[in-house]
Amino acid sequence: AGQTRSYSEVAQAIGQPSAVRAVAQACAAN
């Protein structure tokens, strides 16, 4: 809480650094 991450950093965190668009779509589906 109180921190942020970029879509790129989230993609890197799940081990798929090229999946930035898919990460954004997953966020939008929440």
Full PDB file with SEQRES, HELIX, SHEET, SSBOND, CRYST1, ORIGX, SCALE, CONECT and MASTER records, all heavy atoms in Angstrom:
SEQRES   1 A   30  ALA GLY GLN THR ARG SER TYR SER GLU VAL ALA GLN ALA          
SEQRES   2 A   30  ILE GLY GLN PRO SER ALA VAL ARG ALA VAL ALA GLN ALA          
SEQRES   3 A   30  CYS ALA ALA ASN                                              
HELIX    1 AA1 TYR A    7  ALA A   13  1                                   7    
HELIX    2 AA2 VAL A   20  ALA A   28  1                                   9    
CRYST1    1.000    1.000    1.000  90.00  90.00  90.00 P 1           1          
ORIGX1      1.000000  0.000000  0.000000        0.00000                         
ORIGX2      0.000000  1.000000  0.000000        0.00000                         
ORIGX3      0.000000  0.000000  1.000000        0.00000                         
SCALE1      1.000000  0.000000  0.000000        0.00000                         
SCALE2      0.000000  1.000000  0.000000        0.00000                         
SCALE3      0.000000  0.000000  1.000000        0.00000                         
ATOM      1  N   ALA A   1       0.841  -1.197   0.000  1.00  0.00           N  
ATOM      2  CA  ALA A   1       0.000   0.000   0.000  1.00  0.00           C  
ATOM      3  C   ALA A   1       0.875   1.245   0.000  1.00  0.00           C  
ATOM      4  O   ALA A   1       1.884   1.306   0.698  1.00  0.00           O  
ATOM      5  CB  ALA A   1      -0.923  -0.004   1.221  1.00  0.00           C  
ATOM      6  N   GLY A   2       0.483   2.226  -0.805  1.00  0.00           N  
ATOM      7  CA  GLY A   2       1.251   3.463  -0.888  1.00  0.00           C  
ATOM      8  C   GLY A   2       2.308   3.449  -1.964  1.00  0.00           C  
ATOM      9  O   GLY A   2       2.965   4.462  -2.199  1.00  0.00           O  
ATOM     10  N   GLN A   3       2.488   2.307  -2.633  1.00  0.00           N  
ATOM     11  CA  GLN A   3       3.454   2.215  -3.719  1.00  0.00           C  
ATOM     12  C   GLN A   3       2.729   1.896  -5.032  1.00  0.00           C  
ATOM     13  O   GLN A   3       1.576   1.458  -5.029  1.00  0.00           O  
ATOM     14  CB  GLN A   3       4.493   1.138  -3.434  1.00  0.00           C  
ATOM     15  CG  GLN A   3       5.346   1.404  -2.203  1.00  0.00           C  
ATOM     16  CD  GLN A   3       6.428   0.357  -2.018  1.00  0.00           C  
ATOM     17  OE1 GLN A   3       6.876  -0.280  -2.971  1.00  0.00           O  
ATOM     18  NE2 GLN A   3       6.871   0.184  -0.789  1.00  0.00           N  
ATOM     19  N   THR A   4       3.412   2.128  -6.141  1.00  0.00           N  
ATOM     20  CA  THR A   4       2.854   1.804  -7.452  1.00  0.00           C  
ATOM     21  C   THR A   4       3.875   1.015  -8.262  1.00  0.00           C  
ATOM     22  O   THR A   4       5.059   1.007  -7.955  1.00  0.00           O  
ATOM     23  CB  THR A   4       2.470   3.073  -8.239  1.00  0.00           C  
ATOM     24  OG1 THR A   4       3.636   3.895  -8.420  1.00  0.00           O  
ATOM     25  CG2 THR A   4       1.389   3.861  -7.516  1.00  0.00           C  
ATOM     26  N   ARG A   5       3.383   0.351  -9.299  1.00  0.00           N  
ATOM     27  CA  ARG A   5       4.226  -0.338 -10.267  1.00  0.00           C  
ATOM     28  C   ARG A   5       3.710  -0.009 -11.664  1.00  0.00           C  
ATOM     29  O   ARG A   5       2.520   0.229 -11.854  1.00  0.00           O  
ATOM     30  CB  ARG A   5       4.194  -1.860 -10.056  1.00  0.00           C  
ATOM     31  CG  ARG A   5       4.669  -2.334  -8.689  1.00  0.00           C  
ATOM     32  CD  ARG A   5       6.161  -2.172  -8.520  1.00  0.00           C  
ATOM     33  NE  ARG A   5       6.607  -2.774  -7.265  1.00  0.00           N  
ATOM     34  CZ  ARG A   5       6.649  -2.142  -6.095  1.00  0.00           C  
ATOM     35  NH1 ARG A   5       6.247  -0.864  -6.021  1.00  0.00           N  
ATOM     36  NH2 ARG A   5       7.057  -2.757  -5.005  1.00  0.00           N  
ATOM     37  N   SER A   6       4.582  -0.040 -12.629  1.00  0.00           N  
ATOM     38  CA  SER A   6       4.153   0.148 -14.011  1.00  0.00           C  
ATOM     39  C   SER A   6       3.666  -1.189 -14.564  1.00  0.00           C  
ATOM     40  O   SER A   6       3.932  -2.259 -14.006  1.00  0.00           O  
ATOM     41  CB  SER A   6       5.306   0.668 -14.864  1.00  0.00           C  
ATOM     42  OG  SER A   6       6.299  -0.345 -15.023  1.00  0.00           O  
ATOM     43  N   TYR A   7       2.938  -1.125 -15.681  1.00  0.00           N  
ATOM     44  CA  TYR A   7       2.495  -2.354 -16.340  1.00  0.00           C  
ATOM     45  C   TYR A   7       3.705  -3.208 -16.720  1.00  0.00           C  
ATOM     46  O   TYR A   7       3.659  -4.437 -16.624  1.00  0.00           O  
ATOM     47  CB  TYR A   7       1.671  -2.018 -17.588  1.00  0.00           C  
ATOM     48  CG  TYR A   7       0.367  -1.319 -17.276  1.00  0.00           C  
ATOM     49  CD1 TYR A   7       0.217   0.045 -17.489  1.00  0.00           C  
ATOM     50  CD2 TYR A   7      -0.721  -2.015 -16.767  1.00  0.00           C  
ATOM     51  CE1 TYR A   7      -0.979   0.696 -17.203  1.00  0.00           C  
ATOM     52  CE2 TYR A   7      -1.915  -1.390 -16.478  1.00  0.00           C  
ATOM     53  CZ  TYR A   7      -2.037  -0.025 -16.689  1.00  0.00           C  
ATOM     54  OH  TYR A   7      -3.221   0.609 -16.395  1.00  0.00           O  
ATOM     55  N   SER A   8       4.788  -2.555 -17.117  1.00  0.00           N  
ATOM     56  CA  SER A   8       6.004  -3.289 -17.480  1.00  0.00           C  
ATOM     57  C   SER A   8       6.575  -4.024 -16.272  1.00  0.00           C  
ATOM     58  O   SER A   8       7.020  -5.177 -16.385  1.00  0.00           O  
ATOM     59  CB  SER A   8       7.051  -2.321 -18.042  1.00  0.00           C  
ATOM     60  OG  SER A   8       6.614  -1.729 -19.239  1.00  0.00           O  
ATOM     61  N   GLU A   9       6.570  -3.374 -15.131  1.00  0.00           N  
ATOM     62  CA  GLU A   9       7.121  -4.001 -13.929  1.00  0.00           C  
ATOM     63  C   GLU A   9       6.271  -5.184 -13.480  1.00  0.00           C  
ATOM     64  O   GLU A   9       6.798  -6.192 -12.997  1.00  0.00           O  
ATOM     65  CB  GLU A   9       7.235  -2.967 -12.815  1.00  0.00           C  
ATOM     66  CG  GLU A   9       8.367  -1.967 -13.046  1.00  0.00           C  
ATOM     67  CD  GLU A   9       8.430  -0.879 -11.986  1.00  0.00           C  
ATOM     68  OE1 GLU A   9       7.372  -0.309 -11.655  1.00  0.00           O  
ATOM     69  OE2 GLU A   9       9.536  -0.596 -11.498  1.00  0.00           O  
ATOM     70  N   VAL A  10       4.952  -5.073 -13.627  1.00  0.00           N  
ATOM     71  CA  VAL A  10       4.089  -6.203 -13.293  1.00  0.00           C  
ATOM     72  C   VAL A  10       4.360  -7.364 -14.240  1.00  0.00           C  
ATOM     73  O   VAL A  10       4.443  -8.529 -13.815  1.00  0.00           O  
ATOM     74  CB  VAL A  10       2.601  -5.795 -13.339  1.00  0.00           C  
ATOM     75  CG1 VAL A  10       1.703  -7.013 -13.106  1.00  0.00           C  
ATOM     76  CG2 VAL A  10       2.302  -4.725 -12.290  1.00  0.00           C  
ATOM     77  N   ALA A  11       4.522  -7.057 -15.519  1.00  0.00           N  
ATOM     78  CA  ALA A  11       4.840  -8.111 -16.496  1.00  0.00           C  
ATOM     79  C   ALA A  11       6.153  -8.798 -16.134  1.00  0.00           C  
ATOM     80  O   ALA A  11       6.277 -10.027 -16.225  1.00  0.00           O  
ATOM     81  CB  ALA A  11       4.908  -7.513 -17.907  1.00  0.00           C  
ATOM     82  N   GLN A  12       7.138  -8.030 -15.712  1.00  0.00           N  
ATOM     83  CA  GLN A  12       8.412  -8.601 -15.291  1.00  0.00           C  
ATOM     84  C   GLN A  12       8.242  -9.445 -14.034  1.00  0.00           C  
ATOM     85  O   GLN A  12       8.854 -10.505 -13.889  1.00  0.00           O  
ATOM     86  CB  GLN A  12       9.422  -7.486 -15.052  1.00  0.00           C  
ATOM     87  CG  GLN A  12       9.868  -6.769 -16.324  1.00  0.00           C  
ATOM     88  CD  GLN A  12      10.719  -5.548 -16.052  1.00  0.00           C  
ATOM     89  OE1 GLN A  12      10.982  -5.209 -14.909  1.00  0.00           O  
ATOM     90  NE2 GLN A  12      11.130  -4.863 -17.107  1.00  0.00           N  
ATOM     91  N   ALA A  13       7.379  -8.995 -13.114  1.00  0.00           N  
ATOM     92  CA  ALA A  13       7.176  -9.702 -11.845  1.00  0.00           C  
ATOM     93  C   ALA A  13       6.575 -11.086 -12.054  1.00  0.00           C  
ATOM     94  O   ALA A  13       6.842 -12.006 -11.267  1.00  0.00           O  
ATOM     95  CB  ALA A  13       6.280  -8.878 -10.919  1.00  0.00           C  
ATOM     96  N   ILE A  14       5.768 -11.262 -13.099  1.00  0.00           N  
ATOM     97  CA  ILE A  14       5.175 -12.575 -13.359  1.00  0.00           C  
ATOM     98  C   ILE A  14       6.023 -13.387 -14.338  1.00  0.00           C  
ATOM     99  O   ILE A  14       5.612 -14.454 -14.788  1.00  0.00           O  
ATOM    100  CB  ILE A  14       3.731 -12.459 -13.880  1.00  0.00           C  
ATOM    101  CG1 ILE A  14       3.676 -11.751 -15.233  1.00  0.00           C  
ATOM    102  CG2 ILE A  14       2.838 -11.750 -12.858  1.00  0.00           C  
ATOM    103  CD1 ILE A  14       2.306 -11.765 -15.877  1.00  0.00           C  
ATOM    104  N   GLY A  15       7.196 -12.846 -14.679  1.00  0.00           N  
ATOM    105  CA  GLY A  15       8.121 -13.585 -15.527  1.00  0.00           C  
ATOM    106  C   GLY A  15       7.836 -13.511 -17.006  1.00  0.00           C  
ATOM    107  O   GLY A  15       8.356 -14.319 -17.782  1.00  0.00           O  
ATOM    108  N   GLN A  16       7.013 -12.527 -17.439  1.00  0.00           N  
ATOM    109  CA  GLN A  16       6.691 -12.389 -18.854  1.00  0.00           C  
ATOM    110  C   GLN A  16       6.805 -10.916 -19.253  1.00  0.00           C  
ATOM    111  O   GLN A  16       5.807 -10.220 -19.433  1.00  0.00           O  
ATOM    112  CB  GLN A  16       5.288 -12.923 -19.143  1.00  0.00           C  
ATOM    113  CG  GLN A  16       5.181 -14.423 -18.896  1.00  0.00           C  
ATOM    114  CD  GLN A  16       3.802 -14.978 -19.186  1.00  0.00           C  
ATOM    115  OE1 GLN A  16       3.405 -15.970 -18.616  1.00  0.00           O  
ATOM    116  NE2 GLN A  16       3.059 -14.340 -20.067  1.00  0.00           N  
ATOM    117  N   PRO A  17       8.044 -10.417 -19.367  1.00  0.00           N  
ATOM    118  CA  PRO A  17       8.263  -8.985 -19.576  1.00  0.00           C  
ATOM    119  C   PRO A  17       7.666  -8.428 -20.861  1.00  0.00           C  
ATOM    120  O   PRO A  17       7.468  -7.220 -20.961  1.00  0.00           O  
ATOM    121  CB  PRO A  17       9.792  -8.865 -19.580  1.00  0.00           C  
ATOM    122  CG  PRO A  17      10.306 -10.233 -19.881  1.00  0.00           C  
ATOM    123  CD  PRO A  17       9.310 -11.169 -19.270  1.00  0.00           C  
ATOM    124  N   SER A  18       7.367  -9.282 -21.838  1.00  0.00           N  
ATOM    125  CA  SER A  18       6.792  -8.787 -23.094  1.00  0.00           C  
ATOM    126  C   SER A  18       5.263  -8.719 -23.061  1.00  0.00           C  
ATOM    127  O   SER A  18       4.651  -8.215 -24.003  1.00  0.00           O  
ATOM    128  CB  SER A  18       7.220  -9.679 -24.259  1.00  0.00           C  
ATOM    129  OG  SER A  18       8.621  -9.670 -24.418  1.00  0.00           O  
ATOM    130  N   ALA A  19       4.657  -9.195 -21.986  1.00  0.00           N  
ATOM    131  CA  ALA A  19       3.192  -9.293 -21.932  1.00  0.00           C  
ATOM    132  C   ALA A  19       2.553  -8.052 -21.318  1.00  0.00           C  
ATOM    133  O   ALA A  19       1.591  -8.141 -20.554  1.00  0.00           O  
ATOM    134  CB  ALA A  19       2.790 -10.541 -21.145  1.00  0.00           C  
ATOM    135  N   VAL A  20       3.055  -6.875 -21.678  1.00  0.00           N  
ATOM    136  CA  VAL A  20       2.560  -5.635 -21.065  1.00  0.00           C  
ATOM    137  C   VAL A  20       1.093  -5.405 -21.418  1.00  0.00           C  
ATOM    138  O   VAL A  20       0.286  -5.044 -20.558  1.00  0.00           O  
ATOM    139  CB  VAL A  20       3.415  -4.437 -21.522  1.00  0.00           C  
ATOM    140  CG1 VAL A  20       2.855  -3.136 -20.961  1.00  0.00           C  
ATOM    141  CG2 VAL A  20       4.859  -4.630 -21.075  1.00  0.00           C  
ATOM    142  N   ARG A  21       0.741  -5.617 -22.692  1.00  0.00           N  
ATOM    143  CA  ARG A  21      -0.651  -5.401 -23.090  1.00  0.00           C  
ATOM    144  C   ARG A  21      -1.583  -6.377 -22.380  1.00  0.00           C  
ATOM    145  O   ARG A  21      -2.679  -5.998 -21.943  1.00  0.00           O  
ATOM    146  CB  ARG A  21      -0.792  -5.563 -24.603  1.00  0.00           C  
ATOM    147  CG  ARG A  21      -2.217  -5.372 -25.099  1.00  0.00           C  
ATOM    148  CD  ARG A  21      -2.331  -5.572 -26.598  1.00  0.00           C  
ATOM    149  NE  ARG A  21      -1.592  -4.567 -27.331  1.00  0.00           N  
ATOM    150  CZ  ARG A  21      -1.558  -4.515 -28.659  1.00  0.00           C  
ATOM    151  NH1 ARG A  21      -2.207  -5.414 -29.382  1.00  0.00           N  
ATOM    152  NH2 ARG A  21      -0.875  -3.565 -29.271  1.00  0.00           N  
ATOM    153  N   ALA A  22      -1.169  -7.625 -22.257  1.00  0.00           N  
ATOM    154  CA  ALA A  22      -2.005  -8.618 -21.575  1.00  0.00           C  
ATOM    155  C   ALA A  22      -2.171  -8.272 -20.102  1.00  0.00           C  
ATOM    156  O   ALA A  22      -3.236  -8.496 -19.514  1.00  0.00           O  
ATOM    157  CB  ALA A  22      -1.389 -10.013 -21.723  1.00  0.00           C  
ATOM    158  N   VAL A  23      -1.135  -7.722 -19.477  1.00  0.00           N  
ATOM    159  CA  VAL A  23      -1.233  -7.287 -18.081  1.00  0.00           C  
ATOM    160  C   VAL A  23      -2.264  -6.168 -17.960  1.00  0.00           C  
ATOM    161  O   VAL A  23      -3.103  -6.162 -17.044  1.00  0.00           O  
ATOM    162  CB  VAL A  23       0.135  -6.818 -17.553  1.00  0.00           C  
ATOM    163  CG1 VAL A  23      -0.017  -6.047 -16.240  1.00  0.00           C  
ATOM    164  CG2 VAL A  23       1.062  -8.017 -17.354  1.00  0.00           C  
ATOM    165  N   ALA A  24      -2.219  -5.209 -18.878  1.00  0.00           N  
ATOM    166  CA  ALA A  24      -3.189  -4.105 -18.853  1.00  0.00           C  
ATOM    167  C   ALA A  24      -4.610  -4.625 -19.012  1.00  0.00           C  
ATOM    168  O   ALA A  24      -5.545  -4.159 -18.339  1.00  0.00           O  
ATOM    169  CB  ALA A  24      -2.857  -3.095 -19.945  1.00  0.00           C  
ATOM    170  N   GLN A  25      -4.796  -5.622 -19.875  1.00  0.00           N  
ATOM    171  CA  GLN A  25      -6.125  -6.195 -20.077  1.00  0.00           C  
ATOM    172  C   GLN A  25      -6.602  -6.931 -18.825  1.00  0.00           C  
ATOM    173  O   GLN A  25      -7.787  -6.877 -18.476  1.00  0.00           O  
ATOM    174  CB  GLN A  25      -6.108  -7.139 -21.277  1.00  0.00           C  
ATOM    175  CG  GLN A  25      -5.913  -6.421 -22.610  1.00  0.00           C  
ATOM    176  CD  GLN A  25      -5.689  -7.364 -23.769  1.00  0.00           C  
ATOM    177  OE1 GLN A  25      -5.364  -8.548 -23.584  1.00  0.00           O  
ATOM    178  NE2 GLN A  25      -5.857  -6.864 -24.991  1.00  0.00           N  
ATOM    179  N   ALA A  26      -5.676  -7.611 -18.135  1.00  0.00           N  
ATOM    180  CA  ALA A  26      -6.042  -8.297 -16.897  1.00  0.00           C  
ATOM    181  C   ALA A  26      -6.456  -7.295 -15.818  1.00  0.00           C  
ATOM    182  O   ALA A  26      -7.391  -7.537 -15.054  1.00  0.00           O  
ATOM    183  CB  ALA A  26      -4.877  -9.154 -16.405  1.00  0.00           C  
ATOM    184  N   CYS A  27      -5.779  -6.163 -15.763  1.00  0.00           N  
ATOM    185  CA  CYS A  27      -6.155  -5.113 -14.807  1.00  0.00           C  
ATOM    186  C   CYS A  27      -7.543  -4.581 -15.131  1.00  0.00           C  
ATOM    187  O   CYS A  27      -8.362  -4.363 -14.232  1.00  0.00           O  
ATOM    188  CB  CYS A  27      -5.137  -3.979 -14.835  1.00  0.00           C  
ATOM    189  SG  CYS A  27      -3.512  -4.413 -14.179  1.00  0.00           S  
ATOM    190  N   ALA A  28      -7.821  -4.383 -16.413  1.00  0.00           N  
ATOM    191  CA  ALA A  28      -9.123  -3.853 -16.826  1.00  0.00           C  
ATOM    192  C   ALA A  28     -10.252  -4.839 -16.547  1.00  0.00           C  
ATOM    193  O   ALA A  28     -11.404  -4.433 -16.370  1.00  0.00           O  
ATOM    194  CB  ALA A  28      -9.093  -3.495 -18.312  1.00  0.00           C  
ATOM    195  N   ALA A  29      -9.933  -6.137 -16.495  1.00  0.00           N  
ATOM    196  CA  ALA A  29     -10.953  -7.165 -16.269  1.00  0.00           C  
ATOM    197  C   ALA A  29     -11.288  -7.352 -14.795  1.00  0.00           C  
ATOM    198  O   ALA A  29     -12.209  -8.091 -14.459  1.00  0.00           O  
ATOM    199  CB  ALA A  29     -10.483  -8.501 -16.860  1.00  0.00           C  
ATOM    200  N   ASN A  30     -10.579  -6.684 -13.921  1.00  0.00           N  
ATOM    201  CA  ASN A  30     -10.774  -6.847 -12.483  1.00  0.00           C  
ATOM    202  C   ASN A  30     -12.100  -6.241 -12.024  1.00  0.00           C  
ATOM    203  O   ASN A  30     -12.384  -5.083 -12.293  1.00  0.00           O  
ATOM    204  CB  ASN A  30      -9.601  -6.188 -11.745  1.00  0.00           C  
ATOM    205  CG  ASN A  30      -9.804  -6.172 -10.242  1.00  0.00           C  
ATOM    206  OD1 ASN A  30     -10.418  -7.081  -9.675  1.00  0.00           O  
ATOM    207  ND2 ASN A  30      -9.291  -5.151  -9.587  1.00  0.00           N  
TER     208      ASN A  30                                                      
MASTER        0    0    0    2    0    0    0    6  207    1    0    3          
END                                                                             
